[in-house]
Amino acid sequence: MDHSKIVHLVNTDPVIRTLLEAPIPMRLGYVGLDGHPRTVPVAYLWNGQAFVFATPTSAYKVRAITAHPQVSFTVDTTDFTPLIMMVRGTASVEIRQGVPQEHIDASRRSVGEAGMEEWERVKRANTTEMALISIDPTHVTVCDFATRFPPPAAVNSRTHGAG
């Protein structure tokens, strides 16, 4: 699927839209500098073209993602019949002064409106710069376990370069 089709899917699919609006972090997978995989939860947003999150410039994942920009993540519910979005993509890192608005917007879903003003005040007072990481999606799979199940193993094998 090319980028324009992925963008259209993310912008219009009802399962993806539900997940994007929920206070669920992405579970970001990346390769560490030692060559071993890592997974961390991250507050994120979709900006209409890419998945975006910000993190302190001193965070290990900034150096690791710069060295190994191929990443993946999932966003999923914990319901008995879960909604799942699995994404692979290429990440880019941009250093921004202060707190990027994208970080404020992404954090709003998990912090909540009631605590947002104080959270933002403290964040801005204690942050001089952050790394803004954009993930350009190259593959998206959506499972809702009612109408869309995970693809068969043979499809995943071909997609991941095996077999």
Protein backbone atom coordinates (compact mmCIF):
# COMPACT_ATOMS: atom_id res chain seq x y z
CA MET A 1 0.00 0.00 0.00
CA ASP A 2 1.50 3.37 -0.95
CA HIS A 3 1.67 6.38 1.38
CA SER A 4 -1.41 8.15 -0.03
CA LYS A 5 -3.54 5.02 0.52
CA ILE A 6 -2.20 4.65 4.07
CA VAL A 7 -2.98 8.30 4.80
CA HIS A 8 -6.50 7.86 3.43
CA LEU A 9 -6.99 4.72 5.56
CA VAL A 10 -5.79 6.40 8.75
CA ASN A 11 -7.88 9.50 8.08
CA THR A 12 -11.11 7.59 7.32
CA ASP A 13 -11.15 4.14 8.95
CA PRO A 14 -13.63 4.10 11.89
CA VAL A 15 -11.54 1.66 13.98
CA ILE A 16 -8.39 3.73 13.51
CA ARG A 17 -10.28 6.95 14.27
CA THR A 18 -11.59 5.39 17.51
CA LEU A 19 -8.07 4.41 18.53
CA LEU A 20 -6.62 7.83 17.63
CA GLU A 21 -9.17 9.57 19.86
CA ALA A 22 -8.74 7.21 22.83
CA PRO A 23 -6.32 7.92 25.71
CA ILE A 24 -4.17 4.95 24.66
CA PRO A 25 -0.42 5.36 24.16
CA MET A 26 1.35 3.83 21.20
CA ARG A 27 3.57 0.94 22.16
CA LEU A 28 6.64 1.97 20.18
CA GLY A 29 9.07 -0.70 19.04
CA TYR A 30 12.55 0.27 17.94
CA VAL A 31 16.05 -1.20 17.75
CA GLY A 32 18.44 -0.10 20.47
CA LEU A 33 22.03 0.95 19.88
CA ASP A 34 23.07 -2.53 21.08
CA GLY A 35 20.98 -4.14 18.31
CA HIS A 36 18.31 -5.43 20.70
CA PRO A 37 14.61 -4.52 20.40
CA ARG A 38 12.94 -2.11 22.81
CA THR A 39 9.29 -1.26 23.42
CA VAL A 40 8.04 1.81 25.28
CA PRO A 41 4.65 3.52 25.68
CA VAL A 42 4.47 6.98 24.11
CA ALA A 43 1.75 9.66 23.95
CA TYR A 44 1.33 10.47 20.26
CA LEU A 45 -0.91 12.11 17.70
CA TRP A 46 -1.71 11.76 14.02
CA ASN A 47 -1.11 15.03 12.17
CA GLY A 48 -2.87 13.96 8.98
CA GLN A 49 0.30 12.62 7.33
CA ALA A 50 2.46 11.06 10.06
CA PHE A 51 2.34 9.79 13.63
CA VAL A 52 4.16 12.26 15.90
CA PHE A 53 5.47 12.32 19.46
CA ALA A 54 8.00 14.33 21.44
CA THR A 55 10.51 13.23 24.04
CA PRO A 56 13.44 14.78 25.89
CA THR A 57 16.52 15.10 23.69
CA SER A 58 18.48 13.07 26.26
CA ALA A 59 16.15 10.05 25.94
CA TYR A 60 17.90 6.89 24.77
CA LYS A 61 15.27 6.32 22.09
CA VAL A 62 16.32 9.55 20.32
CA ARG A 63 19.84 8.25 19.65
CA ALA A 64 18.57 4.75 18.85
CA ILE A 65 15.88 5.91 16.41
CA THR A 66 18.35 8.26 14.72
CA ALA A 67 20.66 5.28 14.18
CA HIS A 68 17.86 2.82 13.25
CA PRO A 69 14.88 4.78 11.85
CA GLN A 70 12.76 1.72 10.99
CA VAL A 71 10.19 1.46 13.81
CA SER A 72 6.87 -0.18 14.55
CA PHE A 73 4.08 0.34 17.04
CA THR A 74 0.70 -0.88 18.13
CA VAL A 75 -2.27 0.96 19.56
CA ASP A 76 -4.87 -1.36 21.02
CA THR A 77 -7.69 -1.66 23.48
CA THR A 78 -7.81 -4.26 26.25
CA ASP A 79 -11.42 -5.24 25.65
CA PHE A 80 -12.38 -8.89 25.23
CA THR A 81 -12.69 -8.19 21.51
CA PRO A 82 -9.82 -5.71 21.08
CA LEU A 83 -9.34 -3.05 18.46
CA ILE A 84 -5.78 -3.09 17.17
CA MET A 85 -3.76 -0.89 14.84
CA MET A 86 -0.29 -2.15 13.94
CA VAL A 87 2.01 0.22 12.09
CA ARG A 88 5.49 0.05 10.59
CA GLY A 89 7.27 3.12 9.36
CA THR A 90 10.32 5.28 9.04
CA ALA A 91 11.03 7.79 11.79
CA SER A 92 12.75 11.14 11.56
CA VAL A 93 13.98 13.28 14.44
CA GLU A 94 13.82 17.08 14.67
CA ILE A 95 15.12 19.02 17.69
CA ARG A 96 12.75 21.79 18.77
CA GLN A 97 13.28 24.52 21.34
CA GLY A 98 10.85 24.46 24.26
CA VAL A 99 7.85 22.13 24.29
CA PRO A 100 6.43 21.33 20.84
CA GLN A 101 2.70 21.95 20.51
CA GLU A 102 2.42 18.38 19.23
CA HIS A 103 3.59 17.15 22.64
CA ILE A 104 0.98 19.27 24.41
CA ASP A 105 -1.77 18.02 22.09
CA ALA A 106 -0.67 14.37 22.36
CA SER A 107 -0.50 14.55 26.16
CA ARG A 108 -3.95 16.10 26.48
CA ARG A 109 -5.69 12.74 25.90
CA SER A 110 -3.93 11.07 28.84
CA VAL A 111 -3.58 14.06 31.19
CA GLY A 112 -7.20 15.18 30.75
CA GLU A 113 -8.57 18.69 30.54
CA ALA A 114 -8.83 19.13 34.33
CA GLY A 115 -5.09 18.76 34.89
CA MET A 116 -3.86 20.09 31.59
CA GLU A 117 -3.20 23.72 32.54
CA GLU A 118 -0.94 22.82 35.49
CA TRP A 119 0.75 20.00 33.57
CA GLU A 120 1.56 22.34 30.70
CA ARG A 121 2.83 25.08 33.03
CA VAL A 122 5.24 22.69 34.78
CA LYS A 123 6.33 21.08 31.51
CA ARG A 124 7.12 24.41 29.87
CA ALA A 125 8.95 25.69 32.98
CA ASN A 126 11.21 22.64 33.07
CA THR A 127 11.88 21.99 29.37
CA THR A 128 14.40 23.78 27.17
CA GLU A 129 14.22 21.50 24.13
CA MET A 130 12.64 18.27 22.94
CA ALA A 131 13.05 15.86 20.07
CA LEU A 132 9.99 15.73 17.82
CA ILE A 133 9.81 12.30 16.21
CA SER A 134 7.64 11.78 13.14
CA ILE A 135 6.81 8.30 11.88
CA ASP A 136 5.98 8.13 8.20
CA PRO A 137 3.83 4.97 7.99
CA THR A 138 4.83 2.36 5.43
CA HIS A 139 2.40 -0.38 6.52
CA VAL A 140 -0.82 -0.37 8.56
CA THR A 141 -2.85 -3.37 9.69
CA VAL A 142 -6.19 -2.97 11.46
CA CYS A 143 -7.90 -5.76 13.41
CA ASP A 144 -11.25 -5.43 15.12
CA PHE A 145 -11.89 -9.18 15.65
CA ALA A 146 -15.48 -8.73 14.47
CA THR A 147 -14.94 -8.00 10.79
CA ARG A 148 -11.15 -7.83 10.35
CA PHE A 149 -8.95 -10.51 11.82
CA PRO A 150 -5.14 -10.58 11.71
CA PRO A 151 -3.89 -11.65 8.29
CA PRO A 152 -2.75 -15.25 7.83
CA ALA A 153 0.82 -16.15 8.75
CA ALA A 154 1.74 -16.51 5.07
CA VAL A 155 0.88 -12.84 4.45
CA ASN A 156 2.92 -11.70 7.47
CA SER A 157 5.87 -13.84 6.35
CA ARG A 158 5.95 -12.23 2.91
CA THR A 159 5.45 -8.76 4.35
CA HIS A 160 8.34 -9.16 6.77
CA GLY A 161 10.69 -10.46 4.09
CA ALA A 162 10.71 -14.12 5.10
CA GLY A 163 9.76 -17.02 2.87
